[in-house]
PDB file of all heavy atoms in Angstrom:
ATOM      1  N   HIS A   1      17.657   7.462 -23.777  1.00  0.00           N
ATOM      2  CA  HIS A   1      17.671   8.252 -22.546  1.00  0.00           C
ATOM      3  C   HIS A   1      17.594   7.373 -21.301  1.00  0.00           C
ATOM      4  O   HIS A   1      17.956   7.823 -20.202  1.00  0.00           O
ATOM      5  CB  HIS A   1      16.513   9.251 -22.549  1.00  0.00           C
ATOM      6  CG  HIS A   1      16.676  10.348 -23.550  1.00  0.00           C
ATOM      7  ND1 HIS A   1      15.821  10.506 -24.613  1.00  0.00           N
ATOM      8  CD2 HIS A   1      17.602  11.332 -23.678  1.00  0.00           C
ATOM      9  CE1 HIS A   1      16.195  11.536 -25.340  1.00  0.00           C
ATOM     10  NE2 HIS A   1      17.285  12.052 -24.804  1.00  0.00           N
ATOM     11  N   ALA A   2      17.082   6.158 -21.439  1.00  0.00           N
ATOM     12  CA  ALA A   2      17.032   5.162 -20.359  1.00  0.00           C
ATOM     13  C   ALA A   2      16.256   5.643 -19.136  1.00  0.00           C
ATOM     14  O   ALA A   2      16.560   5.246 -18.004  1.00  0.00           O
ATOM     15  CB  ALA A   2      18.454   4.737 -19.957  1.00  0.00           C
ATOM     16  N   ASP A   3      15.230   6.464 -19.354  1.00  0.00           N
ATOM     17  CA  ASP A   3      14.453   6.973 -18.221  1.00  0.00           C
ATOM     18  C   ASP A   3      13.642   5.859 -17.547  1.00  0.00           C
ATOM     19  O   ASP A   3      13.437   5.889 -16.328  1.00  0.00           O
ATOM     20  CB  ASP A   3      13.517   8.091 -18.683  1.00  0.00           C
ATOM     21  CG  ASP A   3      14.272   9.344 -19.082  1.00  0.00           C
ATOM     22  OD1 ASP A   3      15.403   9.535 -18.586  1.00  0.00           O
ATOM     23  OD2 ASP A   3      13.737  10.135 -19.884  1.00  0.00           O
ATOM     24  N   ALA A   4      13.152   4.891 -18.310  1.00  0.00           N
ATOM     25  CA  ALA A   4      12.401   3.791 -17.704  1.00  0.00           C
ATOM     26  C   ALA A   4      13.289   2.985 -16.761  1.00  0.00           C
ATOM     27  O   ALA A   4      12.847   2.557 -15.684  1.00  0.00           O
ATOM     28  CB  ALA A   4      11.814   2.886 -18.785  1.00  0.00           C
ATOM     29  N   THR A   5      14.533   2.781 -17.144  1.00  0.00           N
ATOM     30  CA  THR A   5      15.478   2.064 -16.281  1.00  0.00           C
ATOM     31  C   THR A   5      15.644   2.788 -14.951  1.00  0.00           C
ATOM     32  O   THR A   5      15.622   2.173 -13.880  1.00  0.00           O
ATOM     33  CB  THR A   5      16.841   1.934 -16.989  1.00  0.00           C
ATOM     34  OG1 THR A   5      16.670   1.180 -18.196  1.00  0.00           O
ATOM     35  CG2 THR A   5      17.862   1.243 -16.109  1.00  0.00           C
ATOM     36  N   THR A   6      15.774   4.110 -15.017  1.00  0.00           N
ATOM     37  CA  THR A   6      15.914   4.908 -13.798  1.00  0.00           C
ATOM     38  C   THR A   6      14.642   4.842 -12.957  1.00  0.00           C
ATOM     39  O   THR A   6      14.692   4.619 -11.750  1.00  0.00           O
ATOM     40  CB  THR A   6      16.217   6.370 -14.159  1.00  0.00           C
ATOM     41  OG1 THR A   6      17.424   6.440 -14.925  1.00  0.00           O
ATOM     42  CG2 THR A   6      16.371   7.216 -12.903  1.00  0.00           C
ATOM     43  N   GLY A   7      13.487   5.009 -13.612  1.00  0.00           N
ATOM     44  CA  GLY A   7      12.228   5.023 -12.889  1.00  0.00           C
ATOM     45  C   GLY A   7      11.871   3.698 -12.255  1.00  0.00           C
ATOM     46  O   GLY A   7      11.117   3.650 -11.275  1.00  0.00           O
ATOM     47  N   LEU A   8      12.398   2.605 -12.786  1.00  0.00           N
ATOM     48  CA  LEU A   8      12.127   1.269 -12.244  1.00  0.00           C
ATOM     49  C   LEU A   8      13.073   0.895 -11.100  1.00  0.00           C
ATOM     50  O   LEU A   8      12.998  -0.211 -10.569  1.00  0.00           O
ATOM     51  CB  LEU A   8      12.225   0.228 -13.361  1.00  0.00           C
ATOM     52  CG  LEU A   8      11.029   0.222 -14.314  1.00  0.00           C
ATOM     53  CD1 LEU A   8      11.401  -0.394 -15.651  1.00  0.00           C
ATOM     54  CD2 LEU A   8       9.853  -0.533 -13.702  1.00  0.00           C
ATOM     55  N   GLY A   9      13.947   1.818 -10.731  1.00  0.00           N
ATOM     56  CA  GLY A   9      14.822   1.578  -9.589  1.00  0.00           C
ATOM     57  C   GLY A   9      15.815   0.466  -9.806  1.00  0.00           C
ATOM     58  O   GLY A   9      16.118  -0.299  -8.884  1.00  0.00           O
ATOM     59  N   VAL A  10      16.350   0.379 -11.017  1.00  0.00           N
ATOM     60  CA  VAL A  10      17.274  -0.710 -11.350  1.00  0.00           C
ATOM     61  C   VAL A  10      18.630  -0.488 -10.695  1.00  0.00           C
ATOM     62  O   VAL A  10      19.188   0.613 -10.733  1.00  0.00           O
ATOM     63  CB  VAL A  10      17.435  -0.813 -12.887  1.00  0.00           C
ATOM     64  CG1 VAL A  10      18.565  -1.760 -13.242  1.00  0.00           C
ATOM     65  CG2 VAL A  10      16.134  -1.271 -13.507  1.00  0.00           C
ATOM     66  N   ARG A  11      19.140  -1.558 -10.102  1.00  0.00           N
ATOM     67  CA  ARG A  11      20.484  -1.528  -9.516  1.00  0.00           C
ATOM     68  C   ARG A  11      21.294  -2.668 -10.134  1.00  0.00           C
ATOM     69  O   ARG A  11      21.308  -3.786  -9.623  1.00  0.00           O
ATOM     70  CB  ARG A  11      20.409  -1.683  -7.991  1.00  0.00           C
ATOM     71  CG  ARG A  11      19.735  -0.511  -7.299  1.00  0.00           C
ATOM     72  CD  ARG A  11      19.628  -0.723  -5.793  1.00  0.00           C
ATOM     73  NE  ARG A  11      19.079   0.445  -5.128  1.00  0.00           N
ATOM     74  CZ  ARG A  11      17.790   0.693  -5.009  1.00  0.00           C
ATOM     75  NH1 ARG A  11      16.902  -0.159  -5.532  1.00  0.00           N
ATOM     76  NH2 ARG A  11      17.358   1.775  -4.389  1.00  0.00           N
ATOM     77  N   PRO A  12      21.988  -2.391 -11.235  1.00  0.00           N
ATOM     78  CA  PRO A  12      22.710  -3.457 -11.931  1.00  0.00           C
ATOM     79  C   PRO A  12      23.920  -3.934 -11.136  1.00  0.00           C
ATOM     80  O   PRO A  12      24.494  -3.190 -10.338  1.00  0.00           O
ATOM     81  CB  PRO A  12      23.144  -2.794 -13.240  1.00  0.00           C
ATOM     82  CG  PRO A  12      23.203  -1.331 -12.918  1.00  0.00           C
ATOM     83  CD  PRO A  12      22.125  -1.087 -11.901  1.00  0.00           C
ATOM     84  N   SER A  13      24.283  -5.174 -11.393  1.00  0.00           N
ATOM     85  CA  SER A  13      25.488  -5.729 -10.762  1.00  0.00           C
ATOM     86  C   SER A  13      26.282  -6.483 -11.826  1.00  0.00           C
ATOM     87  O   SER A  13      26.454  -7.702 -11.750  1.00  0.00           O
ATOM     88  CB  SER A  13      25.116  -6.661  -9.609  1.00  0.00           C
ATOM     89  OG  SER A  13      24.219  -7.674 -10.049  1.00  0.00           O
ATOM     90  N   GLY A  14      26.691  -5.750 -12.844  1.00  0.00           N
ATOM     91  CA  GLY A  14      27.522  -6.333 -13.891  1.00  0.00           C
ATOM     92  C   GLY A  14      26.769  -6.761 -15.133  1.00  0.00           C
ATOM     93  O   GLY A  14      27.391  -7.243 -16.092  1.00  0.00           O
ATOM     94  N   GLN A  15      25.444  -6.587 -15.179  1.00  0.00           N
ATOM     95  CA  GLN A  15      24.685  -6.971 -16.370  1.00  0.00           C
ATOM     96  C   GLN A  15      24.942  -5.986 -17.514  1.00  0.00           C
ATOM     97  O   GLN A  15      25.292  -4.830 -17.299  1.00  0.00           O
ATOM     98  CB  GLN A  15      23.180  -7.028 -16.071  1.00  0.00           C
ATOM     99  CG  GLN A  15      22.786  -8.139 -15.121  1.00  0.00           C
ATOM    100  CD  GLN A  15      22.788  -7.690 -13.670  1.00  0.00           C
ATOM    101  OE1 GLN A  15      23.384  -6.672 -13.318  1.00  0.00           O
ATOM    102  NE2 GLN A  15      22.113  -8.448 -12.833  1.00  0.00           N
ATOM    103  N   THR A  16      24.737  -6.487 -18.718  1.00  0.00           N
ATOM    104  CA  THR A  16      24.964  -5.696 -19.928  1.00  0.00           C
ATOM    105  C   THR A  16      23.659  -5.038 -20.376  1.00  0.00           C
ATOM    106  O   THR A  16      22.592  -5.657 -20.324  1.00  0.00           O
ATOM    107  CB  THR A  16      25.502  -6.601 -21.060  1.00  0.00           C
ATOM    108  OG1 THR A  16      26.712  -7.230 -20.607  1.00  0.00           O
ATOM    109  CG2 THR A  16      25.793  -5.805 -22.317  1.00  0.00           C
ATOM    110  N   ASP A  17      23.737  -3.793 -20.813  1.00  0.00           N
ATOM    111  CA  ASP A  17      22.539  -3.078 -21.256  1.00  0.00           C
ATOM    112  C   ASP A  17      22.070  -3.615 -22.603  1.00  0.00           C
ATOM    113  O   ASP A  17      22.817  -4.279 -23.332  1.00  0.00           O
ATOM    114  CB  ASP A  17      22.813  -1.573 -21.343  1.00  0.00           C
ATOM    115  CG  ASP A  17      23.870  -1.236 -22.379  1.00  0.00           C
ATOM    116  OD1 ASP A  17      23.528  -1.135 -23.569  1.00  0.00           O
ATOM    117  OD2 ASP A  17      25.048  -1.085 -21.995  1.00  0.00           O
ATOM    118  N   VAL A  18      20.814  -3.304 -22.942  1.00  0.00           N
ATOM    119  CA  VAL A  18      20.200  -3.877 -24.135  1.00  0.00           C
ATOM    120  C   VAL A  18      20.877  -3.389 -25.411  1.00  0.00           C
ATOM    121  O   VAL A  18      20.941  -4.116 -26.406  1.00  0.00           O
ATOM    122  CB  VAL A  18      18.680  -3.583 -24.153  1.00  0.00           C
ATOM    123  CG1 VAL A  18      18.396  -2.104 -24.397  1.00  0.00           C
ATOM    124  CG2 VAL A  18      17.962  -4.457 -25.175  1.00  0.00           C
ATOM    125  N   GLY A  19      21.390  -2.174 -25.419  1.00  0.00           N
ATOM    126  CA  GLY A  19      22.067  -1.671 -26.610  1.00  0.00           C
ATOM    127  C   GLY A  19      23.264  -2.523 -26.995  1.00  0.00           C
ATOM    128  O   GLY A  19      23.449  -2.867 -28.170  1.00  0.00           O
ATOM    129  N   ARG A  20      24.082  -2.891 -26.031  1.00  0.00           N
ATOM    130  CA  ARG A  20      25.250  -3.737 -26.311  1.00  0.00           C
ATOM    131  C   ARG A  20      24.842  -5.165 -26.641  1.00  0.00           C
ATOM    132  O   ARG A  20      25.520  -5.840 -27.427  1.00  0.00           O
ATOM    133  CB  ARG A  20      26.215  -3.690 -25.125  1.00  0.00           C
ATOM    134  CG  ARG A  20      26.928  -2.345 -25.005  1.00  0.00           C
ATOM    135  CD  ARG A  20      27.837  -2.272 -23.793  1.00  0.00           C
ATOM    136  NE  ARG A  20      28.653  -1.061 -23.828  1.00  0.00           N
ATOM    137  CZ  ARG A  20      28.236   0.140 -23.438  1.00  0.00           C
ATOM    138  NH1 ARG A  20      26.992   0.295 -22.987  1.00  0.00           N
ATOM    139  NH2 ARG A  20      29.026   1.196 -23.508  1.00  0.00           N
ATOM    140  N   LEU A  21      23.741  -5.629 -26.049  1.00  0.00           N
ATOM    141  CA  LEU A  21      23.247  -6.956 -26.405  1.00  0.00           C
ATOM    142  C   LEU A  21      22.774  -6.999 -27.853  1.00  0.00           C
ATOM    143  O   LEU A  21      22.958  -8.004 -28.545  1.00  0.00           O
ATOM    144  CB  LEU A  21      22.105  -7.355 -25.478  1.00  0.00           C
ATOM    145  CG  LEU A  21      22.463  -7.573 -24.001  1.00  0.00           C
ATOM    146  CD1 LEU A  21      21.204  -7.818 -23.188  1.00  0.00           C
ATOM    147  CD2 LEU A  21      23.446  -8.728 -23.838  1.00  0.00           C
ATOM    148  N   LEU A  22      22.165  -5.921 -28.318  1.00  0.00           N
ATOM    149  CA  LEU A  22      21.698  -5.861 -29.706  1.00  0.00           C
ATOM    150  C   LEU A  22      22.861  -5.986 -30.692  1.00  0.00           C
ATOM    151  O   LEU A  22      22.683  -6.489 -31.801  1.00  0.00           O
ATOM    152  CB  LEU A  22      20.954  -4.552 -29.963  1.00  0.00           C
ATOM    153  CG  LEU A  22      19.571  -4.416 -29.325  1.00  0.00           C
ATOM    154  CD1 LEU A  22      19.078  -2.980 -29.436  1.00  0.00           C
ATOM    155  CD2 LEU A  22      18.577  -5.376 -29.961  1.00  0.00           C
ATOM    156  N   ARG A  23      24.020  -5.529 -30.284  1.00  0.00           N
ATOM    157  CA  ARG A  23      25.166  -5.539 -31.193  1.00  0.00           C
ATOM    158  C   ARG A  23      25.529  -6.953 -31.624  1.00  0.00           C
ATOM    159  O   ARG A  23      25.988  -7.172 -32.748  1.00  0.00           O
ATOM    160  CB  ARG A  23      26.363  -4.869 -30.510  1.00  0.00           C
ATOM    161  CG  ARG A  23      27.561  -4.709 -31.422  1.00  0.00           C
ATOM    162  CD  ARG A  23      28.653  -3.918 -30.738  1.00  0.00           C
ATOM    163  NE  ARG A  23      29.783  -3.709 -31.632  1.00  0.00           N
ATOM    164  CZ  ARG A  23      30.868  -3.024 -31.304  1.00  0.00           C
ATOM    165  NH1 ARG A  23      30.971  -2.480 -30.088  1.00  0.00           N
ATOM    166  NH2 ARG A  23      31.849  -2.878 -32.163  1.00  0.00           N
ATOM    167  N   ASN A  24      25.321  -7.919 -30.744  1.00  0.00           N
ATOM    168  CA  ASN A  24      25.648  -9.309 -31.067  1.00  0.00           C
ATOM    169  C   ASN A  24      24.445 -10.176 -30.694  1.00  0.00           C
ATOM    170  O   ASN A  24      24.549 -11.094 -29.870  1.00  0.00           O
ATOM    171  CB  ASN A  24      26.903  -9.737 -30.311  1.00  0.00           C
ATOM    172  CG  ASN A  24      27.476 -11.035 -30.847  1.00  0.00           C
ATOM    173  OD1 ASN A  24      27.083 -11.515 -31.915  1.00  0.00           O
ATOM    174  ND2 ASN A  24      28.389 -11.628 -30.091  1.00  0.00           N
ATOM    175  N   ALA A  25      23.306  -9.876 -31.293  1.00  0.00           N
ATOM    176  CA  ALA A  25      22.027 -10.452 -30.871  1.00  0.00           C
ATOM    177  C   ALA A  25      21.998 -11.976 -30.969  1.00  0.00           C
ATOM    178  O   ALA A  25      21.367 -12.642 -30.150  1.00  0.00           O
ATOM    179  CB  ALA A  25      20.895  -9.853 -31.692  1.00  0.00           C
ATOM    180  N   ARG A  26      22.652 -12.545 -31.955  1.00  0.00           N
ATOM    181  CA  ARG A  26      22.592 -13.998 -32.127  1.00  0.00           C
ATOM    182  C   ARG A  26      23.280 -14.741 -31.006  1.00  0.00           C
ATOM    183  O   ARG A  26      22.856 -15.832 -30.622  1.00  0.00           O
ATOM    184  CB  ARG A  26      23.208 -14.383 -33.475  1.00  0.00           C
ATOM    185  CG  ARG A  26      22.367 -13.962 -34.674  1.00  0.00           C
ATOM    186  CD  ARG A  26      22.944 -14.515 -35.951  1.00  0.00           C
ATOM    187  NE  ARG A  26      22.117 -14.161 -37.106  1.00  0.00           N
ATOM    188  CZ  ARG A  26      22.377 -14.539 -38.354  1.00  0.00           C
ATOM    189  NH1 ARG A  26      23.446 -15.295 -38.604  1.00  0.00           N
ATOM    190  NH2 ARG A  26      21.590 -14.180 -39.339  1.00  0.00           N
ATOM    191  N   ARG A  27      24.333 -14.177 -30.469  1.00  0.00           N
ATOM    192  CA  ARG A  27      25.081 -14.856 -29.413  1.00  0.00           C
ATOM    193  C   ARG A  27      24.736 -14.342 -28.027  1.00  0.00           C
ATOM    194  O   ARG A  27      24.994 -15.035 -27.030  1.00  0.00           O
ATOM    195  CB  ARG A  27      26.585 -14.689 -29.656  1.00  0.00           C
ATOM    196  CG  ARG A  27      27.075 -15.356 -30.934  1.00  0.00           C
ATOM    197  CD  ARG A  27      28.579 -15.215 -31.064  1.00  0.00           C
ATOM    198  NE  ARG A  27      29.077 -15.840 -32.284  1.00  0.00           N
ATOM    199  CZ  ARG A  27      30.350 -15.854 -32.649  1.00  0.00           C
ATOM    200  NH1 ARG A  27      31.265 -15.273 -31.877  1.00  0.00           N
ATOM    201  NH2 ARG A  27      30.721 -16.441 -33.777  1.00  0.00           N
ATOM    202  N   ALA A  28      24.183 -13.165 -27.922  1.00  0.00           N
ATOM    203  CA  ALA A  28      23.923 -12.549 -26.625  1.00  0.00           C
ATOM    204  C   ALA A  28      22.831 -13.307 -25.874  1.00  0.00           C
ATOM    205  O   ALA A  28      21.913 -13.867 -26.469  1.00  0.00           O
ATOM    206  CB  ALA A  28      23.527 -11.093 -26.811  1.00  0.00           C
ATOM    207  N   ASP A  29      22.934 -13.291 -24.562  1.00  0.00           N
ATOM    208  CA  ASP A  29      21.967 -13.962 -23.696  1.00  0.00           C
ATOM    209  C   ASP A  29      21.209 -12.886 -22.912  1.00  0.00           C
ATOM    210  O   ASP A  29      21.686 -12.395 -21.883  1.00  0.00           O
ATOM    211  CB  ASP A  29      22.692 -14.913 -22.745  1.00  0.00           C
ATOM    212  CG  ASP A  29      21.737 -15.736 -21.893  1.00  0.00           C
ATOM    213  OD1 ASP A  29      20.519 -15.464 -21.936  1.00  0.00           O
ATOM    214  OD2 ASP A  29      22.212 -16.636 -21.183  1.00  0.00           O
ATOM    215  N   LEU A  30      20.036 -12.527 -23.408  1.00  0.00           N
ATOM    216  CA  LEU A  30      19.249 -11.504 -22.735  1.00  0.00           C
ATOM    217  C   LEU A  30      18.848 -11.951 -21.335  1.00  0.00           C
ATOM    218  O   LEU A  30      18.891 -11.176 -20.381  1.00  0.00           O
ATOM    219  CB  LEU A  30      18.000 -11.169 -23.569  1.00  0.00           C
ATOM    220  CG  LEU A  30      17.032 -10.148 -22.965  1.00  0.00           C
ATOM    221  CD1 LEU A  30      17.726  -8.818 -22.719  1.00  0.00           C
ATOM    222  CD2 LEU A  30      15.823  -9.951 -23.887  1.00  0.00           C
ATOM    223  N   GLY A  31      18.463 -13.214 -21.209  1.00  0.00           N
ATOM    224  CA  GLY A  31      18.023 -13.718 -19.916  1.00  0.00           C
ATOM    225  C   GLY A  31      19.065 -13.582 -18.821  1.00  0.00           C
ATOM    226  O   GLY A  31      18.735 -13.377 -17.647  1.00  0.00           O
ATOM    227  N   ALA A  32      20.332 -13.672 -19.185  1.00  0.00           N
ATOM    228  CA  ALA A  32      21.407 -13.572 -18.191  1.00  0.00           C
ATOM    229  C   ALA A  32      21.722 -12.129 -17.828  1.00  0.00           C
ATOM    230  O   ALA A  32      22.519 -11.881 -16.909  1.00  0.00           O
ATOM    231  CB  ALA A  32      22.672 -14.255 -18.724  1.00  0.00           C
ATOM    232  N   ASN A  33      21.116 -11.189 -18.541  1.00  0.00           N
ATOM    233  CA  ASN A  33      21.459  -9.775 -18.332  1.00  0.00           C
ATOM    234  C   ASN A  33      20.267  -8.915 -17.931  1.00  0.00           C
ATOM    235  O   ASN A  33      20.387  -7.686 -17.900  1.00  0.00           O
ATOM    236  CB  ASN A  33      22.095  -9.216 -19.604  1.00  0.00           C
ATOM    237  CG  ASN A  33      23.497  -9.740 -19.825  1.00  0.00           C
ATOM    238  OD1 ASN A  33      24.447  -9.288 -19.184  1.00  0.00           O
ATOM    239  ND2 ASN A  33      23.632 -10.713 -20.716  1.00  0.00           N
ATOM    240  N   ILE A  34      19.141  -9.539 -17.620  1.00  0.00           N
ATOM    241  CA  ILE A  34      18.027  -8.766 -17.098  1.00  0.00           C
ATOM    242  C   ILE A  34      18.256  -8.481 -15.619  1.00  0.00           C
ATOM    243  O   ILE A  34      18.969  -9.211 -14.933  1.00  0.00           O
ATOM    244  CB  ILE A  34      16.692  -9.499 -17.303  1.00  0.00           C
ATOM    245  CG1 ILE A  34      16.720 -10.886 -16.665  1.00  0.00           C
ATOM    246  CG2 ILE A  34      16.349  -9.593 -18.782  1.00  0.00           C
ATOM    247  CD1 ILE A  34      15.410 -11.611 -16.740  1.00  0.00           C
ATOM    248  N   VAL A  35      17.645  -7.401 -15.155  1.00  0.00           N
ATOM    249  CA  VAL A  35      17.833  -6.949 -13.777  1.00  0.00           C
ATOM    250  C   VAL A  35      16.461  -6.805 -13.131  1.00  0.00           C
ATOM    251  O   VAL A  35      15.552  -6.241 -13.742  1.00  0.00           O
ATOM    252  CB  VAL A  35      18.571  -5.594 -13.741  1.00  0.00           C
ATOM    253  CG1 VAL A  35      18.886  -5.193 -12.301  1.00  0.00           C
ATOM    254  CG2 VAL A  35      19.846  -5.654 -14.567  1.00  0.00           C
ATOM    255  N   PRO A  36      16.272  -7.298 -11.912  1.00  0.00           N
ATOM    256  CA  PRO A  36      14.977  -7.098 -11.247  1.00  0.00           C
ATOM    257  C   PRO A  36      14.716  -5.615 -11.010  1.00  0.00           C
ATOM    258  O   PRO A  36      15.624  -4.864 -10.631  1.00  0.00           O
ATOM    259  CB  PRO A  36      15.139  -7.847  -9.916  1.00  0.00           C
ATOM    260  CG  PRO A  36      16.296  -8.755 -10.111  1.00  0.00           C
ATOM    261  CD  PRO A  36      17.204  -8.089 -11.097  1.00  0.00           C
ATOM    262  N   ALA A  37      13.490  -5.194 -11.218  1.00  0.00           N
ATOM    263  CA  ALA A  37      13.123  -3.824 -10.880  1.00  0.00           C
ATOM    264  C   ALA A  37      13.204  -3.646  -9.369  1.00  0.00           C
ATOM    265  O   ALA A  37      12.866  -4.544  -8.599  1.00  0.00           O
ATOM    266  CB  ALA A  37      11.709  -3.525 -11.369  1.00  0.00           C
ATOM    267  N   GLY A  38      13.663  -2.469  -8.967  1.00  0.00           N
ATOM    268  CA  GLY A  38      13.742  -2.193  -7.537  1.00  0.00           C
ATOM    269  C   GLY A  38      12.387  -2.186  -6.860  1.00  0.00           C
ATOM    270  O   GLY A  38      12.297  -2.327  -5.634  1.00  0.00           O
ATOM    271  N   TRP A  39      11.323  -2.041  -7.656  1.00  0.00           N
ATOM    272  CA  TRP A  39       9.969  -2.025  -7.090  1.00  0.00           C
ATOM    273  C   TRP A  39       9.596  -3.336  -6.402  1.00  0.00           C
ATOM    274  O   TRP A  39       8.787  -3.344  -5.480  1.00  0.00           O
ATOM    275  CB  TRP A  39       8.952  -1.786  -8.191  1.00  0.00           C
ATOM    276  CG  TRP A  39       9.051  -0.486  -8.898  1.00  0.00           C
ATOM    277  CD1 TRP A  39       9.892   0.555  -8.632  1.00  0.00           C
ATOM    278  CD2 TRP A  39       8.258  -0.082 -10.016  1.00  0.00           C
ATOM    279  NE1 TRP A  39       9.684   1.572  -9.514  1.00  0.00           N
ATOM    280  CE2 TRP A  39       8.689   1.215 -10.378  1.00  0.00           C
ATOM    281  CE3 TRP A  39       7.238  -0.693 -10.753  1.00  0.00           C
ATOM    282  CZ2 TRP A  39       8.115   1.918 -11.435  1.00  0.00           C
ATOM    283  CZ3 TRP A  39       6.680  -0.007 -11.802  1.00  0.00           C
ATOM    284  CH2 TRP A  39       7.105   1.288 -12.144  1.00  0.00           C
ATOM    285  N   VAL A  40      10.135  -4.453  -6.877  1.00  0.00           N
ATOM    286  CA  VAL A  40       9.709  -5.761  -6.373  1.00  0.00           C
ATOM    287  C   VAL A  40      10.009  -5.890  -4.887  1.00  0.00           C
ATOM    288  O   VAL A  40       9.225  -6.458  -4.116  1.00  0.00           O
ATOM    289  CB  VAL A  40      10.384  -6.898  -7.164  1.00  0.00           C
ATOM    290  CG1 VAL A  40      10.037  -8.253  -6.566  1.00  0.00           C
ATOM    291  CG2 VAL A  40       9.964  -6.835  -8.623  1.00  0.00           C
ATOM    292  N   ALA A  41      11.122  -5.335  -4.453  1.00  0.00           N
ATOM    293  CA  ALA A  41      11.505  -5.438  -3.047  1.00  0.00           C
ATOM    294  C   ALA A  41      10.523  -4.723  -2.133  1.00  0.00           C
ATOM    295  O   ALA A  41      10.388  -5.067  -0.955  1.00  0.00           O
ATOM    296  CB  ALA A  41      12.910  -4.866  -2.840  1.00  0.00           C
ATOM    297  N   THR A  42       9.810  -3.727  -2.667  1.00  0.00           N
ATOM    298  CA  THR A  42       8.862  -2.968  -1.851  1.00  0.00           C
ATOM    299  C   THR A  42       7.413  -3.327  -2.168  1.00  0.00           C
ATOM    300  O   THR A  42       6.497  -2.618  -1.774  1.00  0.00           O
ATOM    301  CB  THR A  42       9.063  -1.458  -2.072  1.00  0.00           C
ATOM    302  OG1 THR A  42       8.884  -1.145  -3.465  1.00  0.00           O
ATOM    303  CG2 THR A  42      10.454  -1.031  -1.640  1.00  0.00           C
TER     304      THR A  42
END
């Protein structure tokens, strides 16, 4: 449902969601696809 993503005020700019990263976990780079929570700016 991704409600935590919504509640954290995430504004992605091309990053891949965790579900698609799980599909190829050995090669995927989680660190390159994390997004700052919108809360940090405030």
